[in-house]
Amino acid sequence: MESIKKILSSVPLWGWIAIAIAILFLVNYVSARVLNRSLFNLALDQLRKDQSQIVQQKTEEAEAFKKQVLDLQNEVKKIQQEKAIEKAKAIASAAEVTRLKGRINDLQDQIDKILISNDPDVILDDLRRLGIRSIKRRDSR
């Protein structure tokens, strides 16, 4: 023990100051390394958290976009079906118009073939031929 005291007392004051400064630098260096590692890990954890939030948000957006695409595809199919129905109705209407035009033409031909006589005896004979037997003249008073 005495030899340690002798060695310690033989070191001058400036040596003790240098040793203290060296110890302070060593402690500062070690604490800086630990703090830097801790800050690095903290930043890395925050980056991973942010990255996972971004991935989750992008996944949710992708799902929403897929749903919108499916909705739009269903709407397109529905509109195409409605268009096909309307087209079939238009074709049926055109066929009906053509049929009615033909009927009108037939009726017009029949109207054109009707001959009306000015002779009352011919008119009475035509009516009797059609089955109308009794025709009486009304007084127009």
N, C-alpha and C. Protein backbone atom coordinates (compact mmCIF):
# COMPACT_ATOMS: atom_id res chain seq x y z
N MET A 1 0.80 -1.16 0.00
CA MET A 1 0.00 0.00 0.00
C MET A 1 0.86 1.25 0.00
N GLU A 2 1.92 1.15 0.75
CA GLU A 2 2.81 2.30 0.79
C GLU A 2 3.49 2.54 -0.54
N SER A 3 3.72 1.52 -1.26
CA SER A 3 4.34 1.69 -2.55
C SER A 3 3.39 2.38 -3.53
N ILE A 4 2.11 2.14 -3.34
CA ILE A 4 1.12 2.79 -4.21
C ILE A 4 1.08 4.27 -3.86
N LYS A 5 1.16 4.61 -2.57
CA LYS A 5 1.15 6.01 -2.16
C LYS A 5 2.37 6.72 -2.70
N LYS A 6 3.48 6.04 -2.69
CA LYS A 6 4.73 6.64 -3.15
C LYS A 6 4.64 6.92 -4.64
N ILE A 7 4.05 5.98 -5.40
CA ILE A 7 3.93 6.15 -6.83
C ILE A 7 2.95 7.29 -7.12
N LEU A 8 1.85 7.33 -6.37
CA LEU A 8 0.86 8.37 -6.58
C LEU A 8 1.41 9.74 -6.24
N SER A 9 2.23 9.83 -5.20
CA SER A 9 2.78 11.13 -4.80
C SER A 9 3.90 11.58 -5.73
N SER A 10 4.51 10.64 -6.45
CA SER A 10 5.58 11.01 -7.35
C SER A 10 5.06 11.61 -8.66
N VAL A 11 3.75 11.46 -8.96
CA VAL A 11 3.17 12.02 -10.18
C VAL A 11 2.90 13.50 -9.94
N PRO A 12 3.40 14.37 -10.83
CA PRO A 12 3.18 15.80 -10.61
C PRO A 12 1.71 16.20 -10.85
N LEU A 13 1.32 17.39 -10.50
CA LEU A 13 -0.04 17.90 -10.60
C LEU A 13 -0.51 17.96 -12.04
N TRP A 14 0.34 18.38 -12.92
CA TRP A 14 -0.07 18.45 -14.32
C TRP A 14 -0.35 17.06 -14.87
N GLY A 15 0.28 16.02 -14.36
CA GLY A 15 0.03 14.63 -14.76
C GLY A 15 -1.36 14.19 -14.33
N TRP A 16 -1.71 14.59 -13.09
CA TRP A 16 -3.04 14.26 -12.59
C TRP A 16 -4.13 14.94 -13.43
N ILE A 17 -3.84 16.18 -13.79
CA ILE A 17 -4.79 16.91 -14.63
C ILE A 17 -4.90 16.23 -16.00
N ALA A 18 -3.80 15.78 -16.57
CA ALA A 18 -3.81 15.11 -17.86
C ALA A 18 -4.57 13.79 -17.76
N ILE A 19 -4.34 13.07 -16.63
CA ILE A 19 -5.05 11.79 -16.43
C ILE A 19 -6.56 12.05 -16.31
N ALA A 20 -6.94 13.09 -15.55
CA ALA A 20 -8.36 13.42 -15.38
C ALA A 20 -8.98 13.81 -16.72
N ILE A 21 -8.24 14.61 -17.49
CA ILE A 21 -8.76 15.01 -18.81
C ILE A 21 -8.89 13.80 -19.71
N ALA A 22 -7.92 12.87 -19.66
CA ALA A 22 -7.96 11.66 -20.47
C ALA A 22 -9.17 10.80 -20.08
N ILE A 23 -9.40 10.68 -18.76
CA ILE A 23 -10.55 9.91 -18.28
C ILE A 23 -11.85 10.57 -18.76
N LEU A 24 -11.93 11.91 -18.69
CA LEU A 24 -13.12 12.63 -19.15
C LEU A 24 -13.34 12.42 -20.65
N PHE A 25 -12.24 12.49 -21.42
CA PHE A 25 -12.36 12.25 -22.85
C PHE A 25 -12.82 10.81 -23.13
N LEU A 26 -12.28 9.86 -22.38
CA LEU A 26 -12.66 8.46 -22.56
C LEU A 26 -14.15 8.24 -22.22
N VAL A 27 -14.59 8.84 -21.10
CA VAL A 27 -16.00 8.72 -20.70
C VAL A 27 -16.89 9.41 -21.75
N ASN A 28 -16.45 10.57 -22.22
CA ASN A 28 -17.21 11.30 -23.23
C ASN A 28 -17.30 10.48 -24.52
N TYR A 29 -16.19 9.86 -24.91
CA TYR A 29 -16.16 9.06 -26.12
C TYR A 29 -17.12 7.86 -26.00
N VAL A 30 -17.05 7.17 -24.88
CA VAL A 30 -17.90 6.00 -24.67
C VAL A 30 -19.37 6.40 -24.62
N SER A 31 -19.69 7.48 -23.89
CA SER A 31 -21.09 7.91 -23.79
C SER A 31 -21.60 8.41 -25.15
N ALA A 32 -20.74 9.06 -25.92
CA ALA A 32 -21.15 9.52 -27.26
C ALA A 32 -21.46 8.33 -28.16
N ARG A 33 -20.64 7.27 -28.08
CA ARG A 33 -20.88 6.08 -28.89
C ARG A 33 -22.21 5.42 -28.51
N VAL A 34 -22.44 5.34 -27.19
CA VAL A 34 -23.68 4.73 -26.72
C VAL A 34 -24.87 5.59 -27.12
N LEU A 35 -24.75 6.90 -26.95
CA LEU A 35 -25.83 7.81 -27.30
C LEU A 35 -26.09 7.81 -28.80
N ASN A 36 -25.03 7.80 -29.61
CA ASN A 36 -25.20 7.74 -31.06
C ASN A 36 -25.90 6.45 -31.47
N ARG A 37 -25.50 5.34 -30.85
CA ARG A 37 -26.12 4.06 -31.17
C ARG A 37 -27.60 4.09 -30.75
N SER A 38 -27.87 4.68 -29.61
CA SER A 38 -29.25 4.79 -29.12
C SER A 38 -30.07 5.68 -30.05
N LEU A 39 -29.52 6.81 -30.46
CA LEU A 39 -30.23 7.70 -31.38
C LEU A 39 -30.42 7.04 -32.74
N PHE A 40 -29.40 6.30 -33.20
CA PHE A 40 -29.52 5.59 -34.46
C PHE A 40 -30.65 4.57 -34.39
N ASN A 41 -30.68 3.80 -33.30
CA ASN A 41 -31.75 2.81 -33.14
C ASN A 41 -33.13 3.47 -33.04
N LEU A 42 -33.19 4.62 -32.36
CA LEU A 42 -34.45 5.35 -32.25
C LEU A 42 -34.92 5.83 -33.63
N ALA A 43 -33.99 6.39 -34.39
CA ALA A 43 -34.32 6.86 -35.74
C ALA A 43 -34.71 5.68 -36.64
N LEU A 44 -34.01 4.56 -36.50
CA LEU A 44 -34.30 3.38 -37.29
C LEU A 44 -35.70 2.83 -36.95
N ASP A 45 -36.02 2.81 -35.67
CA ASP A 45 -37.36 2.36 -35.26
C ASP A 45 -38.44 3.29 -35.81
N GLN A 46 -38.19 4.58 -35.75
CA GLN A 46 -39.17 5.55 -36.29
C GLN A 46 -39.32 5.38 -37.80
N LEU A 47 -38.20 5.15 -38.48
CA LEU A 47 -38.25 4.93 -39.93
C LEU A 47 -39.04 3.66 -40.26
N ARG A 48 -38.81 2.59 -39.51
CA ARG A 48 -39.57 1.36 -39.74
C ARG A 48 -41.05 1.58 -39.48
N LYS A 49 -41.37 2.31 -38.43
CA LYS A 49 -42.77 2.60 -38.10
C LYS A 49 -43.42 3.41 -39.22
N ASP A 50 -42.71 4.46 -39.67
CA ASP A 50 -43.23 5.27 -40.77
C ASP A 50 -43.41 4.43 -42.04
N GLN A 51 -42.43 3.58 -42.31
CA GLN A 51 -42.49 2.73 -43.49
C GLN A 51 -43.68 1.78 -43.41
N SER A 52 -43.91 1.18 -42.25
CA SER A 52 -45.04 0.27 -42.11
C SER A 52 -46.37 1.02 -42.24
N GLN A 53 -46.44 2.25 -41.74
CA GLN A 53 -47.65 3.06 -41.90
C GLN A 53 -47.89 3.38 -43.37
N ILE A 54 -46.83 3.72 -44.08
CA ILE A 54 -46.95 4.04 -45.51
C ILE A 54 -47.40 2.80 -46.28
N VAL A 55 -46.79 1.66 -45.96
CA VAL A 55 -47.17 0.42 -46.65
C VAL A 55 -48.64 0.09 -46.37
N GLN A 56 -49.06 0.25 -45.10
CA GLN A 56 -50.45 -0.02 -44.75
C GLN A 56 -51.39 0.94 -45.48
N GLN A 57 -51.03 2.22 -45.53
CA GLN A 57 -51.85 3.21 -46.21
C GLN A 57 -51.93 2.89 -47.71
N LYS A 58 -50.81 2.55 -48.33
CA LYS A 58 -50.81 2.23 -49.75
C LYS A 58 -51.62 0.95 -50.02
N THR A 59 -51.56 -0.01 -49.11
CA THR A 59 -52.35 -1.23 -49.26
C THR A 59 -53.84 -0.91 -49.19
N GLU A 60 -54.22 -0.07 -48.24
CA GLU A 60 -55.63 0.33 -48.13
C GLU A 60 -56.08 1.08 -49.38
N GLU A 61 -55.23 1.97 -49.88
CA GLU A 61 -55.56 2.71 -51.10
C GLU A 61 -55.70 1.75 -52.28
N ALA A 62 -54.80 0.77 -52.37
CA ALA A 62 -54.87 -0.21 -53.47
C ALA A 62 -56.17 -1.00 -53.38
N GLU A 63 -56.57 -1.40 -52.18
CA GLU A 63 -57.84 -2.12 -52.00
C GLU A 63 -59.01 -1.23 -52.41
N ALA A 64 -58.96 0.04 -52.01
CA ALA A 64 -60.04 0.96 -52.37
C ALA A 64 -60.10 1.14 -53.89
N PHE A 65 -58.93 1.24 -54.54
CA PHE A 65 -58.90 1.38 -56.00
C PHE A 65 -59.43 0.13 -56.68
N LYS A 66 -59.08 -1.05 -56.14
CA LYS A 66 -59.60 -2.29 -56.71
C LYS A 66 -61.12 -2.33 -56.59
N LYS A 67 -61.64 -1.90 -55.44
CA LYS A 67 -63.09 -1.87 -55.25
C LYS A 67 -63.73 -0.91 -56.23
N GLN A 68 -63.12 0.26 -56.42
CA GLN A 68 -63.66 1.22 -57.38
C GLN A 68 -63.64 0.66 -58.80
N VAL A 69 -62.57 -0.04 -59.15
CA VAL A 69 -62.47 -0.64 -60.48
C VAL A 69 -63.57 -1.69 -60.66
N LEU A 70 -63.79 -2.53 -59.64
CA LEU A 70 -64.86 -3.53 -59.73
C LEU A 70 -66.22 -2.87 -59.84
N ASP A 71 -66.44 -1.81 -59.05
CA ASP A 71 -67.71 -1.09 -59.12
C ASP A 71 -67.92 -0.50 -60.51
N LEU A 72 -66.87 0.10 -61.07
CA LEU A 72 -66.98 0.68 -62.41
C LEU A 72 -67.20 -0.40 -63.47
N GLN A 73 -66.54 -1.56 -63.32
CA GLN A 73 -66.76 -2.64 -64.27
C GLN A 73 -68.21 -3.14 -64.19
N ASN A 74 -68.73 -3.25 -62.97
CA ASN A 74 -70.13 -3.66 -62.82
C ASN A 74 -71.07 -2.63 -63.43
N GLU A 75 -70.74 -1.35 -63.24
CA GLU A 75 -71.58 -0.29 -63.81
C GLU A 75 -71.53 -0.33 -65.34
N VAL A 76 -70.35 -0.60 -65.89
CA VAL A 76 -70.22 -0.71 -67.35
C VAL A 76 -71.06 -1.87 -67.87
N LYS A 77 -71.00 -3.02 -67.17
CA LYS A 77 -71.82 -4.18 -67.59
C LYS A 77 -73.30 -3.83 -67.53
N LYS A 78 -73.70 -3.15 -66.46
CA LYS A 78 -75.11 -2.78 -66.30
C LYS A 78 -75.54 -1.85 -67.44
N ILE A 79 -74.71 -0.86 -67.75
CA ILE A 79 -75.04 0.08 -68.82
C ILE A 79 -75.07 -0.62 -70.16
N GLN A 80 -74.15 -1.57 -70.38
CA GLN A 80 -74.17 -2.33 -71.63
C GLN A 80 -75.45 -3.15 -71.75
N GLN A 81 -75.89 -3.74 -70.63
CA GLN A 81 -77.14 -4.50 -70.66
C GLN A 81 -78.31 -3.58 -70.96
N GLU A 82 -78.33 -2.40 -70.30
CA GLU A 82 -79.40 -1.45 -70.56
C GLU A 82 -79.39 -0.99 -72.01
N LYS A 83 -78.18 -0.80 -72.55
CA LYS A 83 -78.05 -0.39 -73.95
C LYS A 83 -78.58 -1.48 -74.88
N ALA A 84 -78.26 -2.74 -74.56
CA ALA A 84 -78.76 -3.85 -75.38
C ALA A 84 -80.27 -3.92 -75.31
N ILE A 85 -80.83 -3.70 -74.12
CA ILE A 85 -82.30 -3.72 -73.97
C ILE A 85 -82.92 -2.60 -74.79
N GLU A 86 -82.34 -1.41 -74.69
CA GLU A 86 -82.86 -0.27 -75.45
C GLU A 86 -82.73 -0.50 -76.96
N LYS A 87 -81.64 -1.13 -77.37
CA LYS A 87 -81.45 -1.42 -78.78
C LYS A 87 -82.51 -2.42 -79.26
N ALA A 88 -82.78 -3.44 -78.42
CA ALA A 88 -83.82 -4.42 -78.78
C ALA A 88 -85.18 -3.75 -78.85
N LYS A 89 -85.45 -2.83 -77.92
CA LYS A 89 -86.72 -2.10 -77.95
C LYS A 89 -86.81 -1.25 -79.22
N ALA A 90 -85.70 -0.62 -79.59
CA ALA A 90 -85.69 0.21 -80.81
C ALA A 90 -85.95 -0.65 -82.04
N ILE A 91 -85.35 -1.83 -82.08
CA ILE A 91 -85.57 -2.73 -83.22
C ILE A 91 -87.03 -3.18 -83.27
N ALA A 92 -87.57 -3.52 -82.08
CA ALA A 92 -88.98 -3.94 -82.03
C ALA A 92 -89.89 -2.79 -82.45
N SER A 93 -89.56 -1.58 -81.99
CA SER A 93 -90.36 -0.41 -82.37
C SER A 93 -90.29 -0.17 -83.87
N ALA A 94 -89.10 -0.31 -84.44
CA ALA A 94 -88.96 -0.12 -85.89
C ALA A 94 -89.77 -1.16 -86.65
N ALA A 95 -89.77 -2.39 -86.15
CA ALA A 95 -90.56 -3.44 -86.80
C ALA A 95 -92.05 -3.13 -86.68
N GLU A 96 -92.47 -2.64 -85.52
CA GLU A 96 -93.88 -2.28 -85.32
C GLU A 96 -94.27 -1.11 -86.24
N VAL A 97 -93.38 -0.15 -86.36
CA VAL A 97 -93.65 0.99 -87.26
C VAL A 97 -93.79 0.50 -88.69
N THR A 98 -92.90 -0.38 -89.10
CA THR A 98 -92.98 -0.92 -90.46
C THR A 98 -94.29 -1.69 -90.66
N ARG A 99 -94.67 -2.50 -89.67
CA ARG A 99 -95.93 -3.25 -89.76
C ARG A 99 -97.12 -2.30 -89.84
N LEU A 100 -97.11 -1.26 -88.99
CA LEU A 100 -98.22 -0.30 -89.00
C LEU A 100 -98.28 0.49 -90.31
N LYS A 101 -97.11 0.83 -90.87
CA LYS A 101 -97.10 1.52 -92.16
C LYS A 101 -97.70 0.64 -93.24
N GLY A 102 -97.36 -0.65 -93.19
CA GLY A 102 -97.95 -1.59 -94.15
C GLY A 102 -99.46 -1.69 -93.98
N ARG A 103 -99.91 -1.73 -92.74
CA ARG A 103 -101.35 -1.78 -92.45
C ARG A 103 -102.05 -0.51 -92.95
N ILE A 104 -101.40 0.64 -92.72
CA ILE A 104 -101.96 1.91 -93.20
C ILE A 104 -102.08 1.89 -94.71
N ASN A 105 -101.04 1.41 -95.38
CA ASN A 105 -101.07 1.33 -96.84
C ASN A 105 -102.19 0.40 -97.31
N ASP A 106 -102.35 -0.75 -96.61
CA ASP A 106 -103.44 -1.67 -96.98
C ASP A 106 -104.80 -1.01 -96.80
N LEU A 107 -104.98 -0.33 -95.67
CA LEU A 107 -106.25 0.35 -95.43
C LEU A 107 -106.49 1.47 -96.43
N GLN A 108 -105.43 2.17 -96.79
CA GLN A 108 -105.56 3.24 -97.78
C GLN A 108 -105.98 2.64 -99.13
N ASP A 109 -105.39 1.50 -99.47
CA ASP A 109 -105.78 0.83 -100.71
C ASP A 109 -107.25 0.43 -100.67
N GLN A 110 -107.70 -0.09 -99.52
CA GLN A 110 -109.11 -0.47 -99.38
C GLN A 110 -110.02 0.75 -99.49
N ILE A 111 -109.59 1.86 -98.86
CA ILE A 111 -110.37 3.10 -98.94
C ILE A 111 -110.45 3.57 -100.38
N ASP A 112 -109.33 3.48 -101.09
CA ASP A 112 -109.33 3.91 -102.48
C ASP A 112 -110.22 3.04 -103.37
N LYS A 113 -110.41 1.77 -102.99
CA LYS A 113 -111.23 0.84 -103.79
C LYS A 113 -112.73 1.00 -103.52
N ILE A 114 -113.07 1.70 -102.47
CA ILE A 114 -114.49 1.88 -102.15
C ILE A 114 -115.11 2.84 -103.15
N LEU A 115 -116.20 2.38 -103.77
CA LEU A 115 -116.92 3.20 -104.74
C LEU A 115 -118.28 3.54 -104.13
N ILE A 116 -118.58 4.77 -104.06
CA ILE A 116 -119.86 5.21 -103.53
C ILE A 116 -120.70 5.72 -104.70
N SER A 117 -121.84 5.13 -104.79
CA SER A 117 -122.73 5.50 -105.89
C SER A 117 -123.60 6.67 -105.46
N ASN A 118 -124.02 7.44 -106.46
CA ASN A 118 -124.92 8.56 -106.19
C ASN A 118 -126.39 8.12 -106.31
N ASP A 119 -126.58 6.94 -106.79
CA ASP A 119 -127.93 6.42 -107.00
C ASP A 119 -128.41 5.76 -105.71
N PRO A 120 -129.54 6.23 -105.12
CA PRO A 120 -130.01 5.64 -103.86
C PRO A 120 -130.46 4.20 -104.02
N ASP A 121 -130.92 3.79 -105.17
CA ASP A 121 -131.34 2.40 -105.35
C ASP A 121 -130.15 1.46 -105.29
N VAL A 122 -129.03 1.85 -105.85
CA VAL A 122 -127.80 1.04 -105.80
C VAL A 122 -127.31 0.94 -104.37
N ILE A 123 -127.41 2.03 -103.63
CA ILE A 123 -126.97 2.03 -102.23
C ILE A 123 -127.85 1.08 -101.43
N LEU A 124 -129.19 1.12 -101.63
CA LEU A 124 -130.10 0.22 -100.91
C LEU A 124 -129.83 -1.24 -101.27
N ASP A 125 -129.54 -1.52 -102.53
CA ASP A 125 -129.23 -2.89 -102.93
C ASP A 125 -127.94 -3.38 -102.26
N ASP A 126 -126.94 -2.51 -102.20
CA ASP A 126 -125.67 -2.88 -101.54
C ASP A 126 -125.89 -3.16 -100.06
N LEU A 127 -126.71 -2.34 -99.41
CA LEU A 127 -126.99 -2.54 -97.99
C LEU A 127 -127.75 -3.84 -97.76
N ARG A 128 -128.70 -4.15 -98.63
CA ARG A 128 -129.46 -5.41 -98.50
C ARG A 128 -128.52 -6.60 -98.71
N ARG A 129 -127.60 -6.47 -99.62
CA ARG A 129 -126.63 -7.54 -99.89
C ARG A 129 -125.75 -7.76 -98.66
N LEU A 130 -125.47 -6.70 -97.92
CA LEU A 130 -124.66 -6.82 -96.71
C LEU A 130 -125.46 -7.34 -95.52
N GLY A 131 -126.74 -7.51 -95.66
CA GLY A 131 -127.54 -8.08 -94.60
C GLY A 131 -128.38 -7.07 -93.85
N ILE A 132 -128.41 -5.86 -94.29
CA ILE A 132 -129.23 -4.85 -93.64
C ILE A 132 -130.53 -4.77 -94.44
N ARG A 133 -131.63 -5.31 -93.88
CA ARG A 133 -132.87 -5.44 -94.61
C ARG A 133 -133.79 -4.24 -94.43
N SER A 134 -133.87 -3.77 -93.26
CA SER A 134 -134.87 -2.76 -93.01
C SER A 134 -134.20 -1.39 -92.92
N ILE A 135 -134.48 -0.56 -93.87
CA ILE A 135 -133.97 0.80 -93.86
C ILE A 135 -135.16 1.72 -94.01
N LYS A 136 -135.32 2.58 -93.08
CA LYS A 136 -136.43 3.54 -93.13
C LYS A 136 -135.85 4.91 -93.17
N ARG A 137 -136.51 5.73 -93.88
CA ARG A 137 -136.09 7.12 -93.98
C ARG A 137 -136.63 7.86 -92.77
N ARG A 138 -135.79 8.63 -92.15
CA ARG A 138 -136.21 9.43 -91.00
C ARG A 138 -136.59 10.81 -91.46
N ASP A 139 -137.49 11.34 -90.71
CA ASP A 139 -137.86 12.72 -91.00
C ASP A 139 -136.81 13.62 -90.39
N SER A 140 -136.39 14.54 -91.13
CA SER A 140 -135.38 15.45 -90.61
C SER A 140 -136.01 16.79 -90.27
N ARG A 141 -136.88 16.77 -89.35
CA ARG A 141 -137.56 17.99 -88.95
C ARG A 141 -136.97 18.56 -87.74
